[in-house]
C-alpha atoms as a PDB file:
ATOM      1  CA  MET A   1       0.297  -0.186  -0.111  1.00  0.00           C
ATOM      2  CA  GLU A   2       3.157   2.203   0.413  1.00  0.00           C
ATOM      3  CA  ASP A   3       4.164   2.156  -2.834  1.00  0.00           C
ATOM      4  CA  LEU A   4       0.587   2.818  -4.110  1.00  0.00           C
ATOM      5  CA  LEU A   5       0.437   5.928  -2.275  1.00  0.00           C
ATOM      6  CA  GLN A   6       4.002   6.780  -3.366  1.00  0.00           C
ATOM      7  CA  LYS A   7       2.807   6.581  -7.146  1.00  0.00           C
ATOM      8  CA  ILE A   8      -0.549   8.573  -6.530  1.00  0.00           C
ATOM      9  CA  LYS A   9       1.768  10.912  -4.995  1.00  0.00           C
ATOM     10  CA  LYS A  10       4.232  11.481  -7.930  1.00  0.00           C
ATOM     11  CA  ILE A  11       1.410  10.950 -10.070  1.00  0.00           C
ATOM     12  CA  GLU A  12      -0.323  14.190  -8.306  1.00  0.00           C
ATOM     13  CA  ALA A  13       2.863  16.247  -8.624  1.00  0.00           C
ATOM     14  CA  LEU A  14       2.987  15.572 -12.566  1.00  0.00           C
ATOM     15  CA  ILE A  15       0.033  17.054 -12.479  1.00  0.00           C
ATOM     16  CA  ALA A  16       0.469  19.651 -10.617  1.00  0.00           C
ATOM     17  CA  GLY A  17       3.779  20.467 -12.702  1.00  0.00           C
ATOM     18  CA  ALA A  18       1.944  19.626 -16.149  1.00  0.00           C
ATOM     19  CA  LYS A  19       3.075  22.781 -18.372  1.00  0.00           C
ATOM     20  CA  THR A  20       0.536  21.764 -21.231  1.00  0.00           C
ATOM     21  CA  HIS A  21      -2.619  20.245 -21.846  1.00  0.00           C
ATOM     22  CA  GLY A  22      -1.434  16.970 -22.621  1.00  0.00           C
ATOM     23  CA  GLU A  23       0.536  16.124 -20.362  1.00  0.00           C
ATOM     24  CA  LYS A  24      -2.186  16.736 -17.094  1.00  0.00           C
ATOM     25  CA  SER A  25      -4.365  14.652 -19.348  1.00  0.00           C
ATOM     26  CA  ALA A  26      -1.835  12.124 -19.021  1.00  0.00           C
ATOM     27  CA  ALA A  27      -1.403  12.282 -15.819  1.00  0.00           C
ATOM     28  CA  MET A  28      -4.765  12.632 -14.761  1.00  0.00           C
ATOM     29  CA  SER A  29      -5.433   8.982 -17.462  1.00  0.00           C
ATOM     30  CA  ALA A  30      -2.586   7.386 -14.979  1.00  0.00           C
ATOM     31  CA  LYS A  31      -4.143   8.576 -11.539  1.00  0.00           C
ATOM     32  CA  ASP A  32      -7.611   6.966 -12.823  1.00  0.00           C
ATOM     33  CA  ARG A  33      -6.203   3.801 -14.008  1.00  0.00           C
ATOM     34  CA  ILE A  34      -4.259   3.242 -10.267  1.00  0.00           C
ATOM     35  CA  LEU A  35      -8.048   3.724  -8.623  1.00  0.00           C
ATOM     36  CA  LYS A  36      -9.526   1.383 -11.340  1.00  0.00           C
ATOM     37  CA  LYS A  37      -7.052  -1.225 -10.622  1.00  0.00           C
ATOM     38  CA  TYR A  38      -7.505  -0.511  -6.459  1.00  0.00           C
ATOM     39  CA  PRO A  39     -11.197  -0.873  -6.128  1.00  0.00           C
ATOM     40  CA  GLY A  40     -10.879  -0.231  -2.103  1.00  0.00           C
ATOM     41  CA  LEU A  41      -9.715   2.992  -2.946  1.00  0.00           C
ATOM     42  CA  GLU A  42     -12.974   4.051  -4.067  1.00  0.00           C
ATOM     43  CA  ILE A  43     -13.796   7.012  -1.938  1.00  0.00           C
ATOM     44  CA  HIS A  44     -17.459   6.546  -2.275  1.00  0.00           C
ATOM     45  CA  LYS A  45     -18.315   2.953  -2.594  1.00  0.00           C
ATOM     46  CA  ASN A  46     -20.716   1.836   0.034  1.00  0.00           C
ATOM     47  CA  PRO A  47     -19.660   5.364   2.044  1.00  0.00           C
ATOM     48  CA  VAL A  48     -20.365   5.459   5.695  1.00  0.00           C
ATOM     49  CA  GLU A  49     -19.645   8.569   7.770  1.00  0.00           C
ATOM     50  CA  TYR A  50     -17.070   9.051   9.887  1.00  0.00           C
ATOM     51  CA  ARG A  51     -16.413  11.550  12.710  1.00  0.00           C
ATOM     52  CA  LEU A  52     -12.602  12.585  13.056  1.00  0.00           C
ATOM     53  CA  SER A  53     -11.392  14.628  15.551  1.00  0.00           C
ATOM     54  CA  THR A  54      -8.320  16.658  15.526  1.00  0.00           C
ATOM     55  CA  GLY A  55      -6.149  17.977  17.728  1.00  0.00           C
ATOM     56  CA  SER A  56      -5.733  22.114  17.047  1.00  0.00           C
ATOM     57  CA  ARG A  57      -7.423  24.195  13.743  1.00  0.00           C
ATOM     58  CA  TRP A  58      -3.774  23.628  12.048  1.00  0.00           C
ATOM     59  CA  ASN A  59      -4.708  19.777  11.694  1.00  0.00           C
ATOM     60  CA  LYS A  60      -7.942  20.616  11.485  1.00  0.00           C
ATOM     61  CA  LYS A  61      -7.277  23.036   7.995  1.00  0.00           C
ATOM     62  CA  LEU A  62      -4.704  20.007   6.894  1.00  0.00           C
ATOM     63  CA  LEU A  63      -7.419  17.327   7.263  1.00  0.00           C
ATOM     64  CA  VAL A  64     -10.292  18.980   5.323  1.00  0.00           C
ATOM     65  CA  ALA A  65      -7.553  20.087   2.341  1.00  0.00           C
ATOM     66  CA  ILE A  66      -6.936  16.341   2.090  1.00  0.00           C
ATOM     67  CA  CYS A  67     -10.272  15.766   1.951  1.00  0.00           C
ATOM     68  CA  ARG A  68     -10.860  18.211  -0.545  1.00  0.00           C
ATOM     69  CA  LYS A  69      -7.569  16.809  -2.850  1.00  0.00           C
ATOM     70  CA  TYR A  70      -9.647  13.697  -3.136  1.00  0.00           C
ATOM     71  CA  GLU A  71     -12.732  15.499  -3.936  1.00  0.00           C
ATOM     72  CA  VAL A  72     -14.529  14.265  -0.620  1.00  0.00           C
ATOM     73  CA  ARG A  73     -16.521  16.988   1.068  1.00  0.00           C
ATOM     74  CA  PRO A  74     -16.209  17.690   4.874  1.00  0.00           C
ATOM     75  CA  TYR A  75     -18.925  18.893   7.310  1.00  0.00           C
ATOM     76  CA  ARG A  76     -19.840  19.141  10.235  1.00  0.00           C
ATOM     77  CA  TYR A  77     -23.160  19.440  12.586  1.00  0.00           C
ATOM     78  CA  HIS A  78     -24.338  22.192  14.531  1.00  0.00           C
ATOM     79  CA  ARG A  79     -22.816  22.877  17.932  1.00  0.00           C
ATOM     80  CA  GLN A  80     -20.034  20.348  17.130  1.00  0.00           C
ATOM     81  CA  LYS A  81     -16.557  21.084  18.031  1.00  0.00           C
ATOM     82  CA  TYR A  82     -14.576  23.237  15.336  1.00  0.00           C
ATOM     83  CA  THR A  83     -11.790  20.617  15.665  1.00  0.00           C
ATOM     84  CA  THR A  84     -14.323  18.037  14.171  1.00  0.00           C
ATOM     85  CA  VAL A  85     -14.689  16.621  10.390  1.00  0.00           C
ATOM     86  CA  MET A  86     -17.113  14.773   9.524  1.00  0.00           C
ATOM     87  CA  VAL A  87     -16.893  12.411   6.156  1.00  0.00           C
ATOM     88  CA  ARG A  88     -18.320   9.677   4.286  1.00  0.00           C
ATOM     89  CA  VAL A  89     -16.312   7.530   2.365  1.00  0.00           C
ATOM     90  CA  ASN A  90     -15.343   3.956   2.770  1.00  0.00           C
ATOM     91  CA  GLU A  91     -13.950   2.317   4.945  1.00  0.00           C
ATOM     92  CA  ASP A  92     -11.131   1.064   2.740  1.00  0.00           C
ATOM     93  CA  PHE A  93     -10.335   4.602   1.525  1.00  0.00           C
ATOM     94  CA  LEU A  94     -10.755   5.913   5.019  1.00  0.00           C
ATOM     95  CA  ASN A  95      -7.799   3.940   6.575  1.00  0.00           C
ATOM     96  CA  ASN A  96      -5.514   3.430   3.903  1.00  0.00           C
ATOM     97  CA  VAL A  97      -5.532   6.677   2.025  1.00  0.00           C
ATOM     98  CA  LEU A  98      -6.606   9.580   3.664  1.00  0.00           C
ATOM     99  CA  TRP A  99      -6.112   9.353   7.653  1.00  0.00           C
ATOM    100  CA  LYS A 100      -2.716   7.565   6.904  1.00  0.00           C
ATOM    101  CA  GLU A 101      -1.761  10.586   4.399  1.00  0.00           C
ATOM    102  CA  TYR A 102      -2.896  12.583   7.774  1.00  0.00           C
ATOM    103  CA  LEU A 103      -1.205  11.453   9.992  1.00  0.00           C
ATOM    104  CA  GLU A 104       2.227  11.594   7.677  1.00  0.00           C
ATOM    105  CA  TYR A 105       1.799  15.460   6.991  1.00  0.00           C
ATOM    106  CA  SER A 106       0.595  16.042  10.799  1.00  0.00           C
ATOM    107  CA  GLU A 107       3.561  14.943  11.875  1.00  0.00           C
ATOM    108  CA  LYS A 108       5.489  17.175   9.693  1.00  0.00           C
ATOM    109  CA  LEU A 109       3.101  19.897  10.828  1.00  0.00           C
ATOM    110  CA  GLU A 110       4.325  19.493  14.191  1.00  0.00           C
ATOM    111  CA  GLU A 111       7.828  19.316  13.377  1.00  0.00           C
ATOM    112  CA  LEU A 112       7.336  22.935  11.745  1.00  0.00           C
ATOM    113  CA  VAL A 113       5.789  24.511  13.991  1.00  0.00           C
ATOM    114  CA  THR A 114       7.867  23.330  16.605  1.00  0.00           C
ATOM    115  CA  GLU A 115      10.838  25.102  14.787  1.00  0.00           C
ATOM    116  CA  ILE A 116       9.162  28.048  14.403  1.00  0.00           C
ATOM    117  CA  THR A 117       7.501  28.529  17.934  1.00  0.00           C
ATOM    118  CA  ASP A 118      11.390  27.623  19.198  1.00  0.00           C
ATOM    119  CA  GLY A 119      12.925  30.163  16.989  1.00  0.00           C
ATOM    120  CA  LEU A 120      10.632  32.824  18.282  1.00  0.00           C
ATOM    121  CA  ILE A 121      11.194  31.864  22.041  1.00  0.00           C
ATOM    122  CA  SER A 122      14.646  31.959  20.820  1.00  0.00           C
ATOM    123  CA  LYS A 123      14.470  35.665  19.551  1.00  0.00           C
ATOM    124  CA  ILE A 124      12.556  36.698  22.431  1.00  0.00           C
ATOM    125  CA  HIS A 125      14.836  35.121  24.991  1.00  0.00           C
ATOM    126  CA  GLU A 126      17.236  32.425  25.733  1.00  0.00           C
ATOM    127  CA  HIS A 127      14.728  29.425  27.227  1.00  0.00           C
ATOM    128  CA  GLU A 128      16.318  26.875  29.010  1.00  0.00           C
ATOM    129  CA  GLU A 129      15.065  23.523  28.369  1.00  0.00           C
ATOM    130  CA  GLU A 130      14.096  21.739  31.720  1.00  0.00           C
ATOM    131  CA  ASP A 131      11.157  23.885  33.726  1.00  0.00           C
ATOM    132  CA  ILE A 132      13.193  25.304  37.498  1.00  0.00           C
ATOM    133  CA  ILE A 133      10.829  22.742  40.141  1.00  0.00           C
ATOM    134  CA  ARG A 134      10.873  24.361  43.479  1.00  0.00           C
ATOM    135  CA  GLY A 135      10.077  22.541  46.976  1.00  0.00           C
ATOM    136  CA  GLU A 136       6.402  21.992  47.580  1.00  0.00           C
ATOM    137  CA  LEU A 137       3.735  23.964  47.540  1.00  0.00           C
ATOM    138  CA  LYS A 138       2.365  25.581  51.094  1.00  0.00           C
END
């Protein structure tokens, strides 16, 4: 399945970088052939509603972007938390493509946010790695 995801990502890069209509059309045809070859990846075949929760608004934006990339329409119900994303897809697609890609990108996002935060804090004031612990509270 890893190889399949890598192939799809490479084809999507070709689609995004296509200079002519012919190149884009050929890349889109290749993507369609792969998706037809693996029917478990069909997004809307036997769809089930799933409730996906993210840790922050940045992670939600990431998840929504990935959903839209695969033409999945994310939504949420009235009074659901802002970080909740509802989708209707088949289970194989959710587990093998959508959620797997989300976890991969969210890890990269977390690394980037940590790097930016550490850089900002070091510009404000040199920080110590460990918290200073004093005696017990009275």
